[in-house]
PDB file of N, CA and C in Angstrom:
ATOM      1  N   UNK A   1       1.355 -67.530 228.015  1.00  0.00           N
ATOM      2  CA  UNK A   1       0.403 -66.478 227.711  1.00  0.00           C
ATOM      3  C   UNK A   1      -0.907 -67.042 227.190  1.00  0.00           C
ATOM      4  N   UNK A   2      -1.010 -68.332 227.143  1.00  0.00           N
ATOM      5  CA  UNK A   2      -2.247 -68.950 226.677  1.00  0.00           C
ATOM      6  C   UNK A   2      -3.436 -68.484 227.512  1.00  0.00           C
ATOM      7  N   UNK A   3      -3.212 -68.269 228.791  1.00  0.00           N
ATOM      8  CA  UNK A   3      -4.273 -67.818 229.685  1.00  0.00           C
ATOM      9  C   UNK A   3      -4.871 -66.497 229.224  1.00  0.00           C
ATOM     10  N   UNK A   4      -4.043 -65.620 228.670  1.00  0.00           N
ATOM     11  CA  UNK A   4      -4.484 -64.289 228.290  1.00  0.00           C
ATOM     12  C   UNK A   4      -4.836 -64.152 226.814  1.00  0.00           C
ATOM     13  N   UNK A   5      -4.660 -65.190 226.028  1.00  0.00           N
ATOM     14  CA  UNK A   5      -4.845 -65.105 224.575  1.00  0.00           C
ATOM     15  C   UNK A   5      -6.242 -64.619 224.196  1.00  0.00           C
ATOM     16  N   UNK A   6      -7.266 -65.199 224.773  1.00  0.00           N
ATOM     17  CA  UNK A   6      -8.639 -64.801 224.438  1.00  0.00           C
ATOM     18  C   UNK A   6      -8.899 -63.352 224.833  1.00  0.00           C
ATOM     19  N   UNK A   7      -8.401 -62.948 226.018  1.00  0.00           N
ATOM     20  CA  UNK A   7      -8.555 -61.561 226.454  1.00  0.00           C
ATOM     21  C   UNK A   7      -7.884 -60.613 225.458  1.00  0.00           C
ATOM     22  N   UNK A   8      -6.657 -60.927 225.068  1.00  0.00           N
ATOM     23  CA  UNK A   8      -5.916 -60.065 224.142  1.00  0.00           C
ATOM     24  C   UNK A   8      -6.636 -59.907 222.815  1.00  0.00           C
ATOM     25  N   UNK A   9      -7.288 -60.950 222.355  1.00  0.00           N
ATOM     26  CA  UNK A   9      -8.023 -60.888 221.086  1.00  0.00           C
ATOM     27  C   UNK A   9      -9.191 -59.910 221.139  1.00  0.00           C
ATOM     28  N   UNK A  10      -9.670 -59.585 222.316  1.00  0.00           N
ATOM     29  CA  UNK A  10     -10.808 -58.664 222.443  1.00  0.00           C
ATOM     30  C   UNK A  10     -10.379 -57.200 222.322  1.00  0.00           C
ATOM     31  N   UNK A  11      -9.087 -56.933 222.344  1.00  0.00           N
ATOM     32  CA  UNK A  11      -8.587 -55.559 222.253  1.00  0.00           C
ATOM     33  C   UNK A  11      -8.514 -55.195 220.770  1.00  0.00           C
ATOM     34  N   UNK A  12      -9.366 -54.282 220.366  1.00  0.00           N
ATOM     35  CA  UNK A  12      -9.501 -53.954 218.946  1.00  0.00           C
ATOM     36  C   UNK A  12      -8.330 -53.159 218.382  1.00  0.00           C
ATOM     37  N   UNK A  13      -7.793 -52.245 219.134  1.00  0.00           N
ATOM     38  CA  UNK A  13      -6.693 -51.416 218.658  1.00  0.00           C
ATOM     39  C   UNK A  13      -5.399 -52.245 218.678  1.00  0.00           C
ATOM     40  N   UNK A  14      -4.756 -52.444 217.523  1.00  0.00           N
ATOM     41  CA  UNK A  14      -3.545 -53.275 217.468  1.00  0.00           C
ATOM     42  C   UNK A  14      -2.405 -52.770 218.368  1.00  0.00           C
ATOM     43  N   UNK A  15      -2.246 -51.440 218.471  1.00  0.00           N
ATOM     44  CA  UNK A  15      -1.192 -50.903 219.329  1.00  0.00           C
ATOM     45  C   UNK A  15      -1.492 -51.175 220.803  1.00  0.00           C
ATOM     46  N   UNK A  16      -2.743 -51.051 221.181  1.00  0.00           N
ATOM     47  CA  UNK A  16      -3.126 -51.314 222.566  1.00  0.00           C
ATOM     48  C   UNK A  16      -2.965 -52.799 222.874  1.00  0.00           C
ATOM     49  N   UNK A  17      -3.332 -53.630 221.923  1.00  0.00           N
ATOM     50  CA  UNK A  17      -3.181 -55.072 222.094  1.00  0.00           C
ATOM     51  C   UNK A  17      -1.705 -55.437 222.264  1.00  0.00           C
ATOM     52  N   UNK A  18      -0.859 -54.852 221.420  1.00  0.00           N
ATOM     53  CA  UNK A  18       0.575 -55.133 221.472  1.00  0.00           C
ATOM     54  C   UNK A  18       1.184 -54.659 222.792  1.00  0.00           C
ATOM     55  N   UNK A  19       0.814 -53.466 223.225  1.00  0.00           N
ATOM     56  CA  UNK A  19       1.343 -52.926 224.482  1.00  0.00           C
ATOM     57  C   UNK A  19       0.881 -53.761 225.667  1.00  0.00           C
ATOM     58  N   UNK A  20      -0.382 -54.159 225.675  1.00  0.00           N
ATOM     59  CA  UNK A  20      -0.904 -54.988 226.768  1.00  0.00           C
ATOM     60  C   UNK A  20      -0.171 -56.318 226.801  1.00  0.00           C
ATOM     61  N   UNK A  21       0.015 -56.921 225.642  1.00  0.00           N
ATOM     62  CA  UNK A  21       0.749 -58.193 225.564  1.00  0.00           C
ATOM     63  C   UNK A  21       2.178 -58.015 226.068  1.00  0.00           C
ATOM     64  N   UNK A  22       2.811 -56.912 225.699  1.00  0.00           N
ATOM     65  CA  UNK A  22       4.174 -56.635 226.165  1.00  0.00           C
ATOM     66  C   UNK A  22       4.240 -56.617 227.692  1.00  0.00           C
ATOM     67  N   UNK A  23       3.298 -55.930 228.317  1.00  0.00           N
ATOM     68  CA  UNK A  23       3.286 -55.821 229.779  1.00  0.00           C
ATOM     69  C   UNK A  23       2.991 -57.176 230.411  1.00  0.00           C
ATOM     70  N   UNK A  24       2.006 -57.888 229.898  1.00  0.00           N
ATOM     71  CA  UNK A  24       1.663 -59.202 230.459  1.00  0.00           C
ATOM     72  C   UNK A  24       2.808 -60.186 230.285  1.00  0.00           C
ATOM     73  N   UNK A  25       3.469 -60.153 229.134  1.00  0.00           N
ATOM     74  CA  UNK A  25       4.640 -61.009 228.907  1.00  0.00           C
ATOM     75  C   UNK A  25       5.749 -60.671 229.895  1.00  0.00           C
ATOM     76  N   UNK A  26       5.966 -59.380 230.095  1.00  0.00           N
ATOM     77  CA  UNK A  26       7.020 -58.950 231.012  1.00  0.00           C
ATOM     78  C   UNK A  26       6.751 -59.463 232.430  1.00  0.00           C
ATOM     79  N   UNK A  27       5.526 -59.277 232.906  1.00  0.00           N
ATOM     80  CA  UNK A  27       5.198 -59.758 234.256  1.00  0.00           C
ATOM     81  C   UNK A  27       5.368 -61.273 234.317  1.00  0.00           C
ATOM     82  N   UNK A  28       4.887 -61.968 233.292  1.00  0.00           N
ATOM     83  CA  UNK A  28       4.997 -63.433 233.265  1.00  0.00           C
ATOM     84  C   UNK A  28       6.444 -63.892 233.309  1.00  0.00           C
ATOM     85  N   UNK A  29       7.311 -63.201 232.591  1.00  0.00           N
ATOM     86  CA  UNK A  29       8.728 -63.580 232.555  1.00  0.00           C
ATOM     87  C   UNK A  29       9.473 -63.198 233.824  1.00  0.00           C
ATOM     88  N   UNK A  30       9.182 -62.039 234.365  1.00  0.00           N
ATOM     89  CA  UNK A  30       9.876 -61.565 235.568  1.00  0.00           C
ATOM     90  C   UNK A  30       9.399 -62.271 236.835  1.00  0.00           C
ATOM     91  N   UNK A  31       8.137 -62.676 236.839  1.00  0.00           N
ATOM     92  CA  UNK A  31       7.524 -63.274 238.036  1.00  0.00           C
ATOM     93  C   UNK A  31       6.833 -64.577 237.631  1.00  0.00           C
ATOM     94  N   UNK A  32       7.630 -65.504 237.149  1.00  0.00           N
ATOM     95  CA  UNK A  32       7.079 -66.749 236.592  1.00  0.00           C
ATOM     96  C   UNK A  32       6.350 -67.595 237.633  1.00  0.00           C
ATOM     97  N   UNK A  33       6.570 -67.347 238.903  1.00  0.00           N
ATOM     98  CA  UNK A  33       5.865 -68.104 239.946  1.00  0.00           C
ATOM     99  C   UNK A  33       4.423 -67.615 240.155  1.00  0.00           C
ATOM    100  N   UNK A  34       4.108 -66.430 239.650  1.00  0.00           N
ATOM    101  CA  UNK A  34       2.744 -65.922 239.808  1.00  0.00           C
ATOM    102  C   UNK A  34       1.797 -66.660 238.867  1.00  0.00           C
ATOM    103  N   UNK A  35       0.586 -66.853 239.325  1.00  0.00           N
ATOM    104  CA  UNK A  35      -0.442 -67.558 238.552  1.00  0.00           C
ATOM    105  C   UNK A  35      -1.212 -66.550 237.718  1.00  0.00           C
ATOM    106  N   UNK A  36      -1.359 -66.860 236.443  1.00  0.00           N
ATOM    107  CA  UNK A  36      -2.115 -66.018 235.523  1.00  0.00           C
ATOM    108  C   UNK A  36      -3.584 -66.424 235.556  1.00  0.00           C
ATOM    109  N   UNK A  37      -4.452 -65.427 235.520  1.00  0.00           N
ATOM    110  CA  UNK A  37      -5.881 -65.706 235.399  1.00  0.00           C
ATOM    111  C   UNK A  37      -6.597 -64.475 234.855  1.00  0.00           C
ATOM    112  N   UNK A  38      -7.777 -64.714 234.311  1.00  0.00           N
ATOM    113  CA  UNK A  38      -8.636 -63.625 233.869  1.00  0.00           C
ATOM    114  C   UNK A  38      -9.896 -63.702 234.721  1.00  0.00           C
ATOM    115  N   UNK A  39     -10.216 -62.605 235.385  1.00  0.00           N
ATOM    116  CA  UNK A  39     -11.427 -62.525 236.199  1.00  0.00           C
ATOM    117  C   UNK A  39     -11.937 -61.093 236.101  1.00  0.00           C
ATOM    118  N   UNK A  40     -13.244 -60.934 236.119  1.00  0.00           N
ATOM    119  CA  UNK A  40     -13.859 -59.618 235.967  1.00  0.00           C
ATOM    120  C   UNK A  40     -13.352 -58.951 234.680  1.00  0.00           C
ATOM    121  N   UNK A  41     -13.138 -59.729 233.658  1.00  0.00           N
ATOM    122  CA  UNK A  41     -12.619 -59.296 232.353  1.00  0.00           C
ATOM    123  C   UNK A  41     -11.292 -58.543 232.483  1.00  0.00           C
ATOM    124  N   UNK A  42     -10.464 -58.976 233.442  1.00  0.00           N
ATOM    125  CA  UNK A  42      -9.153 -58.376 233.651  1.00  0.00           C
ATOM    126  C   UNK A  42      -8.105 -59.464 233.751  1.00  0.00           C
ATOM    127  N   UNK A  43      -7.002 -59.321 233.008  1.00  0.00           N
ATOM    128  CA  UNK A  43      -5.886 -60.222 233.247  1.00  0.00           C
ATOM    129  C   UNK A  43      -5.245 -59.855 234.578  1.00  0.00           C
ATOM    130  N   UNK A  44      -4.915 -60.861 235.355  1.00  0.00           N
ATOM    131  CA  UNK A  44      -4.333 -60.608 236.669  1.00  0.00           C
ATOM    132  C   UNK A  44      -3.355 -61.704 237.040  1.00  0.00           C
ATOM    133  N   UNK A  45      -2.591 -61.423 238.050  1.00  0.00           N
ATOM    134  CA  UNK A  45      -1.613 -62.362 238.561  1.00  0.00           C
ATOM    135  C   UNK A  45      -1.873 -62.549 240.051  1.00  0.00           C
ATOM    136  N   UNK A  46      -1.790 -63.794 240.493  1.00  0.00           N
ATOM    137  CA  UNK A  46      -2.024 -64.113 241.899  1.00  0.00           C
ATOM    138  C   UNK A  46      -0.844 -64.907 242.451  1.00  0.00           C
ATOM    139  N   UNK A  47      -0.761 -64.955 243.757  1.00  0.00           N
ATOM    140  CA  UNK A  47       0.266 -65.717 244.456  1.00  0.00           C
ATOM    141  C   UNK A  47      -0.418 -66.400 245.633  1.00  0.00           C
ATOM    142  N   UNK A  48      -0.287 -67.690 245.739  1.00  0.00           N
ATOM    143  CA  UNK A  48      -0.939 -68.518 246.758  1.00  0.00           C
ATOM    144  C   UNK A  48      -2.414 -68.123 246.963  1.00  0.00           C
ATOM    145  N   UNK A  49      -3.093 -67.857 245.838  1.00  0.00           N
ATOM    146  CA  UNK A  49      -4.525 -67.564 245.874  1.00  0.00           C
ATOM    147  C   UNK A  49      -4.886 -66.132 246.223  1.00  0.00           C
ATOM    148  N   UNK A  50      -3.906 -65.262 246.370  1.00  0.00           N
ATOM    149  CA  UNK A  50      -4.191 -63.865 246.685  1.00  0.00           C
ATOM    150  C   UNK A  50      -3.806 -62.967 245.509  1.00  0.00           C
ATOM    151  N   UNK A  51      -4.604 -61.956 245.293  1.00  0.00           N
ATOM    152  CA  UNK A  51      -4.393 -61.002 244.205  1.00  0.00           C
ATOM    153  C   UNK A  51      -3.085 -60.245 244.394  1.00  0.00           C
ATOM    154  N   UNK A  52      -2.299 -60.159 243.321  1.00  0.00           N
ATOM    155  CA  UNK A  52      -1.064 -59.376 243.354  1.00  0.00           C
ATOM    156  C   UNK A  52      -1.191 -58.141 242.476  1.00  0.00           C
ATOM    157  N   UNK A  53      -1.574 -58.316 241.221  1.00  0.00           N
ATOM    158  CA  UNK A  53      -1.721 -57.162 240.326  1.00  0.00           C
ATOM    159  C   UNK A  53      -2.636 -57.535 239.169  1.00  0.00           C
ATOM    160  N   UNK A  54      -3.378 -56.555 238.690  1.00  0.00           N
ATOM    161  CA  UNK A  54      -4.259 -56.765 237.554  1.00  0.00           C
ATOM    162  C   UNK A  54      -4.156 -55.592 236.593  1.00  0.00           C
ATOM    163  N   UNK A  55      -4.743 -55.785 235.418  1.00  0.00           N
ATOM    164  CA  UNK A  55      -4.677 -54.780 234.365  1.00  0.00           C
ATOM    165  C   UNK A  55      -6.031 -54.678 233.688  1.00  0.00           C
ATOM    166  N   UNK A  56      -6.340 -53.510 233.161  1.00  0.00           N
ATOM    167  CA  UNK A  56      -7.535 -53.360 232.345  1.00  0.00           C
ATOM    168  C   UNK A  56      -7.250 -52.333 231.253  1.00  0.00           C
ATOM    169  N   UNK A  57      -7.966 -52.484 230.162  1.00  0.00           N
ATOM    170  CA  UNK A  57      -7.745 -51.660 228.981  1.00  0.00           C
ATOM    171  C   UNK A  57      -8.811 -50.571 228.910  1.00  0.00           C
ATOM    172  N   UNK A  58      -8.355 -49.336 228.712  1.00  0.00           N
ATOM    173  CA  UNK A  58      -9.257 -48.201 228.523  1.00  0.00           C
ATOM    174  C   UNK A  58      -8.844 -47.475 227.243  1.00  0.00           C
ATOM    175  N   UNK A  59      -9.649 -46.537 226.836  1.00  0.00           N
ATOM    176  CA  UNK A  59      -9.415 -45.839 225.575  1.00  0.00           C
ATOM    177  C   UNK A  59      -8.042 -45.165 225.525  1.00  0.00           C
ATOM    178  N   UNK A  60      -7.649 -44.508 226.618  1.00  0.00           N
ATOM    179  CA  UNK A  60      -6.430 -43.719 226.610  1.00  0.00           C
ATOM    180  C   UNK A  60      -5.280 -44.308 227.418  1.00  0.00           C
ATOM    181  N   UNK A  61      -5.513 -45.450 228.065  1.00  0.00           N
ATOM    182  CA  UNK A  61      -4.465 -45.994 228.926  1.00  0.00           C
ATOM    183  C   UNK A  61      -4.676 -47.473 229.245  1.00  0.00           C
ATOM    184  N   UNK A  62      -3.604 -48.069 229.736  1.00  0.00           N
ATOM    185  CA  UNK A  62      -3.661 -49.386 230.352  1.00  0.00           C
ATOM    186  C   UNK A  62      -3.689 -49.132 231.846  1.00  0.00           C
ATOM    187  N   UNK A  63      -4.709 -49.618 232.512  1.00  0.00           N
ATOM    188  CA  UNK A  63      -4.838 -49.407 233.952  1.00  0.00           C
ATOM    189  C   UNK A  63      -4.140 -50.539 234.701  1.00  0.00           C
ATOM    190  N   UNK A  64      -3.391 -50.164 235.711  1.00  0.00           N
ATOM    191  CA  UNK A  64      -2.715 -51.112 236.595  1.00  0.00           C
ATOM    192  C   UNK A  64      -3.430 -51.047 237.931  1.00  0.00           C
ATOM    193  N   UNK A  65      -3.770 -52.205 238.469  1.00  0.00           N
ATOM    194  CA  UNK A  65      -4.508 -52.237 239.726  1.00  0.00           C
ATOM    195  C   UNK A  65      -3.734 -53.029 240.785  1.00  0.00           C
ATOM    196  N   UNK A  66      -2.943 -52.326 241.595  1.00  0.00           N
ATOM    197  CA  UNK A  66      -2.198 -53.006 242.659  1.00  0.00           C
ATOM    198  C   UNK A  66      -2.916 -52.985 244.009  1.00  0.00           C
ATOM    199  N   UNK A  67      -4.216 -52.748 244.013  1.00  0.00           N
ATOM    200  CA  UNK A  67      -5.028 -52.543 245.214  1.00  0.00           C
ATOM    201  C   UNK A  67      -4.676 -51.189 245.839  1.00  0.00           C
ATOM    202  N   UNK A  68      -5.538 -50.714 246.701  1.00  0.00           N
ATOM    203  CA  UNK A  68      -5.373 -49.406 247.332  1.00  0.00           C
ATOM    204  C   UNK A  68      -4.065 -49.328 248.114  1.00  0.00           C
ATOM    205  N   UNK A  69      -3.708 -50.395 248.798  1.00  0.00           N
ATOM    206  CA  UNK A  69      -2.461 -50.385 249.583  1.00  0.00           C
ATOM    207  C   UNK A  69      -1.252 -50.159 248.687  1.00  0.00           C
ATOM    208  N   UNK A  70      -1.265 -50.725 247.497  1.00  0.00           N
ATOM    209  CA  UNK A  70      -0.169 -50.529 246.555  1.00  0.00           C
ATOM    210  C   UNK A  70      -0.108 -49.100 246.038  1.00  0.00           C
ATOM    211  N   UNK A  71      -1.271 -48.518 245.800  1.00  0.00           N
ATOM    212  CA  UNK A  71      -1.323 -47.110 245.374  1.00  0.00           C
ATOM    213  C   UNK A  71      -0.819 -46.217 246.506  1.00  0.00           C
ATOM    214  N   UNK A  72      -1.336 -46.436 247.700  1.00  0.00           N
ATOM    215  CA  UNK A  72      -0.951 -45.604 248.842  1.00  0.00           C
ATOM    216  C   UNK A  72       0.552 -45.679 249.105  1.00  0.00           C
ATOM    217  N   UNK A  73       1.115 -46.875 249.027  1.00  0.00           N
ATOM    218  CA  UNK A  73       2.535 -47.069 249.317  1.00  0.00           C
ATOM    219  C   UNK A  73       3.428 -46.328 248.321  1.00  0.00           C
ATOM    220  N   UNK A  74       3.006 -46.267 247.062  1.00  0.00           N
ATOM    221  CA  UNK A  74       3.829 -45.658 246.018  1.00  0.00           C
ATOM    222  C   UNK A  74       3.289 -44.315 245.517  1.00  0.00           C
ATOM    223  N   UNK A  75       2.404 -43.708 246.291  1.00  0.00           N
ATOM    224  CA  UNK A  75       1.757 -42.464 245.867  1.00  0.00           C
ATOM    225  C   UNK A  75       2.768 -41.400 245.428  1.00  0.00           C
ATOM    226  N   UNK A  76       3.782 -41.147 246.233  1.00  0.00           N
ATOM    227  CA  UNK A  76       4.771 -40.108 245.889  1.00  0.00           C
ATOM    228  C   UNK A  76       5.535 -40.476 244.621  1.00  0.00           C
ATOM    229  N   UNK A  77       5.911 -41.725 244.492  1.00  0.00           N
ATOM    230  CA  UNK A  77       6.647 -42.151 243.310  1.00  0.00           C
ATOM    231  C   UNK A  77       5.767 -42.067 242.059  1.00  0.00           C
ATOM    232  N   UNK A  78       4.501 -42.434 242.190  1.00  0.00           N
ATOM    233  CA  UNK A  78       3.571 -42.320 241.063  1.00  0.00           C
ATOM    234  C   UNK A  78       3.442 -40.858 240.653  1.00  0.00           C
ATOM    235  N   UNK A  79       3.277 -39.987 241.634  1.00  0.00           N
ATOM    236  CA  UNK A  79       3.163 -38.553 241.341  1.00  0.00           C
ATOM    237  C   UNK A  79       4.438 -38.015 240.686  1.00  0.00           C
ATOM    238  N   UNK A  80       5.596 -38.487 241.147  1.00  0.00           N
ATOM    239  CA  UNK A  80       6.865 -38.021 240.580  1.00  0.00           C
ATOM    240  C   UNK A  80       7.051 -38.456 239.129  1.00  0.00           C
ATOM    241  N   UNK A  81       6.415 -39.541 238.718  1.00  0.00           N
ATOM    242  CA  UNK A  81       6.521 -39.992 237.328  1.00  0.00           C
ATOM    243  C   UNK A  81       5.555 -39.236 236.429  1.00  0.00           C
ATOM    244  N   UNK A  82       4.611 -38.504 237.048  1.00  0.00           N
ATOM    245  CA  UNK A  82       3.629 -37.763 236.267  1.00  0.00           C
ATOM    246  C   UNK A  82       2.449 -38.603 235.810  1.00  0.00           C
ATOM    247  N   UNK A  83       2.349 -39.826 236.314  1.00  0.00           N
ATOM    248  CA  UNK A  83       1.230 -40.686 235.931  1.00  0.00           C
ATOM    249  C   UNK A  83      -0.039 -40.273 236.660  1.00  0.00           C
ATOM    250  N   UNK A  84      -1.149 -40.446 235.996  1.00  0.00           N
ATOM    251  CA  UNK A  84      -2.451 -40.200 236.595  1.00  0.00           C
ATOM    252  C   UNK A  84      -2.849 -41.451 237.385  1.00  0.00           C
ATOM    253  N   UNK A  85      -3.544 -41.238 238.501  1.00  0.00           N
ATOM    254  CA  UNK A  85      -3.963 -42.374 239.315  1.00  0.00           C
ATOM    255  C   UNK A  85      -5.201 -42.009 240.125  1.00  0.00           C
ATOM    256  N   UNK A  86      -5.834 -43.046 240.654  1.00  0.00           N
ATOM    257  CA  UNK A  86      -6.943 -42.869 241.584  1.00  0.00           C
ATOM    258  C   UNK A  86      -6.634 -43.749 242.798  1.00  0.00           C
ATOM    259  N   UNK A  87      -7.590 -43.932 243.664  1.00  0.00           N
ATOM    260  CA  UNK A  87      -7.333 -44.746 244.855  1.00  0.00           C
ATOM    261  C   UNK A  87      -7.127 -46.221 244.523  1.00  0.00           C
ATOM    262  N   UNK A  88      -7.504 -46.645 243.314  1.00  0.00           N
ATOM    263  CA  UNK A  88      -7.402 -48.068 242.979  1.00  0.00           C
ATOM    264  C   UNK A  88      -6.605 -48.379 241.715  1.00  0.00           C
ATOM    265  N   UNK A  89      -6.334 -47.388 240.856  1.00  0.00           N
ATOM    266  CA  UNK A  89      -5.628 -47.674 239.604  1.00  0.00           C
ATOM    267  C   UNK A  89      -4.548 -46.639 239.306  1.00  0.00           C
ATOM    268  N   UNK A  90      -3.562 -47.090 238.549  1.00  0.00           N
ATOM    269  CA  UNK A  90      -2.565 -46.200 237.959  1.00  0.00           C
ATOM    270  C   UNK A  90      -2.772 -46.295 236.457  1.00  0.00           C
ATOM    271  N   UNK A  91      -2.824 -45.142 235.805  1.00  0.00           N
ATOM    272  CA  UNK A  91      -3.065 -45.110 234.358  1.00  0.00           C
ATOM    273  C   UNK A  91      -1.739 -44.990 233.605  1.00  0.00           C
ATOM    274  N   UNK A  92      -1.471 -45.990 232.745  1.00  0.00           N
ATOM    275  CA  UNK A  92      -0.279 -45.966 231.904  1.00  0.00           C
ATOM    276  C   UNK A  92      -0.718 -45.559 230.509  1.00  0.00           C
ATOM    277  N   UNK A  93      -0.466 -44.312 230.112  1.00  0.00           N
ATOM    278  CA  UNK A  93      -0.914 -43.847 228.791  1.00  0.00           C
ATOM    279  C   UNK A  93      -0.322 -44.702 227.674  1.00  0.00           C
ATOM    280  N   UNK A  94      -1.126 -44.938 226.660  1.00  0.00           N
ATOM    281  CA  UNK A  94      -0.696 -45.768 225.535  1.00  0.00           C
ATOM    282  C   UNK A  94       0.514 -45.180 224.819  1.00  0.00           C
ATOM    283  N   UNK A  95       0.625 -43.862 224.807  1.00  0.00           N
ATOM    284  CA  UNK A  95       1.683 -43.219 224.030  1.00  0.00           C
ATOM    285  C   UNK A  95       2.926 -42.855 224.854  1.00  0.00           C
ATOM    286  N   UNK A  96       3.065 -43.446 226.037  1.00  0.00           N
ATOM    287  CA  UNK A  96       4.240 -43.217 226.877  1.00  0.00           C
ATOM    288  C   UNK A  96       4.929 -44.545 227.173  1.00  0.00           C
ATOM    289  N   UNK A  97       6.236 -44.510 227.399  1.00  0.00           N
ATOM    290  CA  UNK A  97       6.942 -45.745 227.760  1.00  0.00           C
ATOM    291  C   UNK A  97       6.419 -46.293 229.094  1.00  0.00           C
ATOM    292  N   UNK A  98       6.462 -47.593 229.232  1.00  0.00           N
ATOM    293  CA  UNK A  98       6.043 -48.236 230.480  1.00  0.00           C
ATOM    294  C   UNK A  98       7.171 -48.115 231.496  1.00  0.00           C
ATOM    295  N   UNK A  99       6.835 -47.699 232.696  1.00  0.00           N
ATOM    296  CA  UNK A  99       7.813 -47.614 233.775  1.00  0.00           C
ATOM    297  C   UNK A  99       7.868 -48.992 234.455  1.00  0.00           C
ATOM    298  N   UNK A 100       8.674 -49.888 233.881  1.00  0.00           N
ATOM    299  CA  UNK A 100       8.756 -51.252 234.398  1.00  0.00           C
ATOM    300  C   UNK A 100       9.380 -51.295 235.788  1.00  0.00           C
ATOM    301  N   UNK A 101      10.218 -50.322 236.109  1.00  0.00           N
ATOM    302  CA  UNK A 101      10.814 -50.276 237.445  1.00  0.00           C
ATOM    303  C   UNK A 101       9.726 -50.048 238.501  1.00  0.00           C
ATOM    304  N   UNK A 102       8.848 -49.101 238.252  1.00  0.00           N
ATOM    305  CA  UNK A 102       7.745 -48.841 239.183  1.00  0.00           C
ATOM    306  C   UNK A 102       6.790 -50.035 239.226  1.00  0.00           C
ATOM    307  N   UNK A 103       6.494 -50.602 238.086  1.00  0.00           N
ATOM    308  CA  UNK A 103       5.617 -51.779 238.040  1.00  0.00           C
ATOM    309  C   UNK A 103       6.214 -52.910 238.873  1.00  0.00           C
ATOM    310  N   UNK A 104       7.511 -53.117 238.737  1.00  0.00           N
ATOM    311  CA  UNK A 104       8.194 -54.151 239.501  1.00  0.00           C
ATOM    312  C   UNK A 104       8.099 -53.880 241.005  1.00  0.00           C
ATOM    313  N   UNK A 105       8.285 -52.637 241.394  1.00  0.00           N
ATOM    314  CA  UNK A 105       8.188 -52.285 242.814  1.00  0.00           C
ATOM    315  C   UNK A 105       6.795 -52.577 243.365  1.00  0.00           C
ATOM    316  N   UNK A 106       5.759 -52.262 242.584  1.00  0.00           N
ATOM    317  CA  UNK A 106       4.385 -52.516 243.042  1.00  0.00           C
ATOM    318  C   UNK A 106       4.141 -54.019 243.201  1.00  0.00           C
ATOM    319  N   UNK A 107       4.614 -54.801 242.238  1.00  0.00           N
ATOM    320  CA  UNK A 107       4.428 -56.251 242.303  1.00  0.00           C
ATOM    321  C   UNK A 107       5.175 -56.829 243.501  1.00  0.00           C
ATOM    322  N   UNK A 108       6.428 -56.438 243.665  1.00  0.00           N
ATOM    323  CA  UNK A 108       7.225 -56.964 244.773  1.00  0.00           C
ATOM    324  C   UNK A 108       6.667 -56.533 246.126  1.00  0.00           C
ATOM    325  N   UNK A 109       6.156 -55.313 246.200  1.00  0.00           N
ATOM    326  CA  UNK A 109       5.513 -54.861 247.440  1.00  0.00           C
ATOM    327  C   UNK A 109       4.330 -55.764 247.773  1.00  0.00           C
ATOM    328  N   UNK A 110       3.475 -56.026 246.791  1.00  0.00           N
ATOM    329  CA  UNK A 110       2.300 -56.854 247.051  1.00  0.00           C
ATOM    330  C   UNK A 110       2.672 -58.296 247.390  1.00  0.00           C
ATOM    331  N   UNK A 111       3.668 -58.837 246.720  1.00  0.00           N
ATOM    332  CA  UNK A 111       4.106 -60.201 247.041  1.00  0.00           C
ATOM    333  C   UNK A 111       4.545 -60.273 248.496  1.00  0.00           C
ATOM    334  N   UNK A 112       5.380 -59.332 248.921  1.00  0.00           N
ATOM    335  CA  UNK A 112       5.883 -59.331 250.294  1.00  0.00           C
ATOM    336  C   UNK A 112       4.782 -58.987 251.302  1.00  0.00           C
ATOM    337  N   UNK A 113       4.016 -57.942 251.006  1.00  0.00           N
ATOM    338  CA  UNK A 113       2.990 -57.480 251.938  1.00  0.00           C
ATOM    339  C   UNK A 113       1.872 -58.506 252.126  1.00  0.00           C
ATOM    340  N   UNK A 114       1.645 -59.332 251.101  1.00  0.00           N
ATOM    341  CA  UNK A 114       0.541 -60.291 251.173  1.00  0.00           C
ATOM    342  C   UNK A 114       1.017 -61.741 251.347  1.00  0.00           C
ATOM    343  N   UNK A 115       2.269 -61.913 251.748  1.00  0.00           N
ATOM    344  CA  UNK A 115       2.816 -63.264 251.859  1.00  0.00           C
ATOM    345  C   UNK A 115       2.052 -64.134 252.853  1.00  0.00           C
ATOM    346  N   UNK A 116       1.463 -63.538 253.859  1.00  0.00           N
ATOM    347  CA  UNK A 116       0.689 -64.302 254.841  1.00  0.00           C
ATOM    348  C   UNK A 116      -0.820 -64.108 254.674  1.00  0.00           C
ATOM    349  N   UNK A 117      -1.210 -63.450 253.605  1.00  0.00           N
ATOM    350  CA  UNK A 117      -2.630 -63.168 253.347  1.00  0.00           C
ATOM    351  C   UNK A 117      -3.330 -64.463 252.917  1.00  0.00           C
ATOM    352  N   UNK A 118      -4.473 -64.731 253.503  1.00  0.00           N
ATOM    353  CA  UNK A 118      -5.211 -65.951 253.145  1.00  0.00           C
ATOM    354  C   UNK A 118      -6.531 -65.632 252.441  1.00  0.00           C
ATOM    355  N   UNK A 119      -6.661 -64.391 251.956  1.00  0.00           N
ATOM    356  CA  UNK A 119      -7.849 -64.003 251.209  1.00  0.00           C
ATOM    357  C   UNK A 119      -7.403 -63.445 249.848  1.00  0.00           C
ATOM    358  N   UNK A 120      -8.325 -63.378 248.915  1.00  0.00           N
ATOM    359  CA  UNK A 120      -7.985 -62.865 247.594  1.00  0.00           C
ATOM    360  C   UNK A 120      -7.617 -61.390 247.669  1.00  0.00           C
ATOM    361  N   UNK A 121      -8.490 -60.597 248.282  1.00  0.00           N
ATOM    362  CA  UNK A 121      -8.253 -59.159 248.476  1.00  0.00           C
ATOM    363  C   UNK A 121      -7.778 -58.939 249.905  1.00  0.00           C
ATOM    364  N   UNK A 122      -7.117 -57.829 250.140  1.00  0.00           N
ATOM    365  CA  UNK A 122      -6.754 -57.471 251.500  1.00  0.00           C
ATOM    366  C   UNK A 122      -8.029 -57.255 252.305  1.00  0.00           C
ATOM    367  N   UNK A 123      -7.950 -57.527 253.572  1.00  0.00           N
ATOM    368  CA  UNK A 123      -9.107 -57.325 254.457  1.00  0.00           C
ATOM    369  C   UNK A 123      -9.210 -55.885 254.872  1.00  0.00           C
TER     370      UNK A 123
END
């Protein structure tokens, strides 16, 4: 988590900082082969140089960014969980439990879907 330490220190709200660290630790432990990096002031994980998933902190939620393809693929499941989302992010409210099962599905989808991708973002 050394990669994310400086980013985490910028989160002023202790609960938001703790929750963000929890999620980043979970991804790091579950997907230890993914590379950690901070870009565009977002902690993210990559695989063979391609973006897999990123996160950003907002006032009312932790945003998950699995790219548009990840949102589109899981649109019904996201709606069934009651989470708010847009074409590029899923909002995880600070005061709700993290749906790690859905997060895992998004990560695994991107790993598989982008296994032959040679660019950072999908084309």
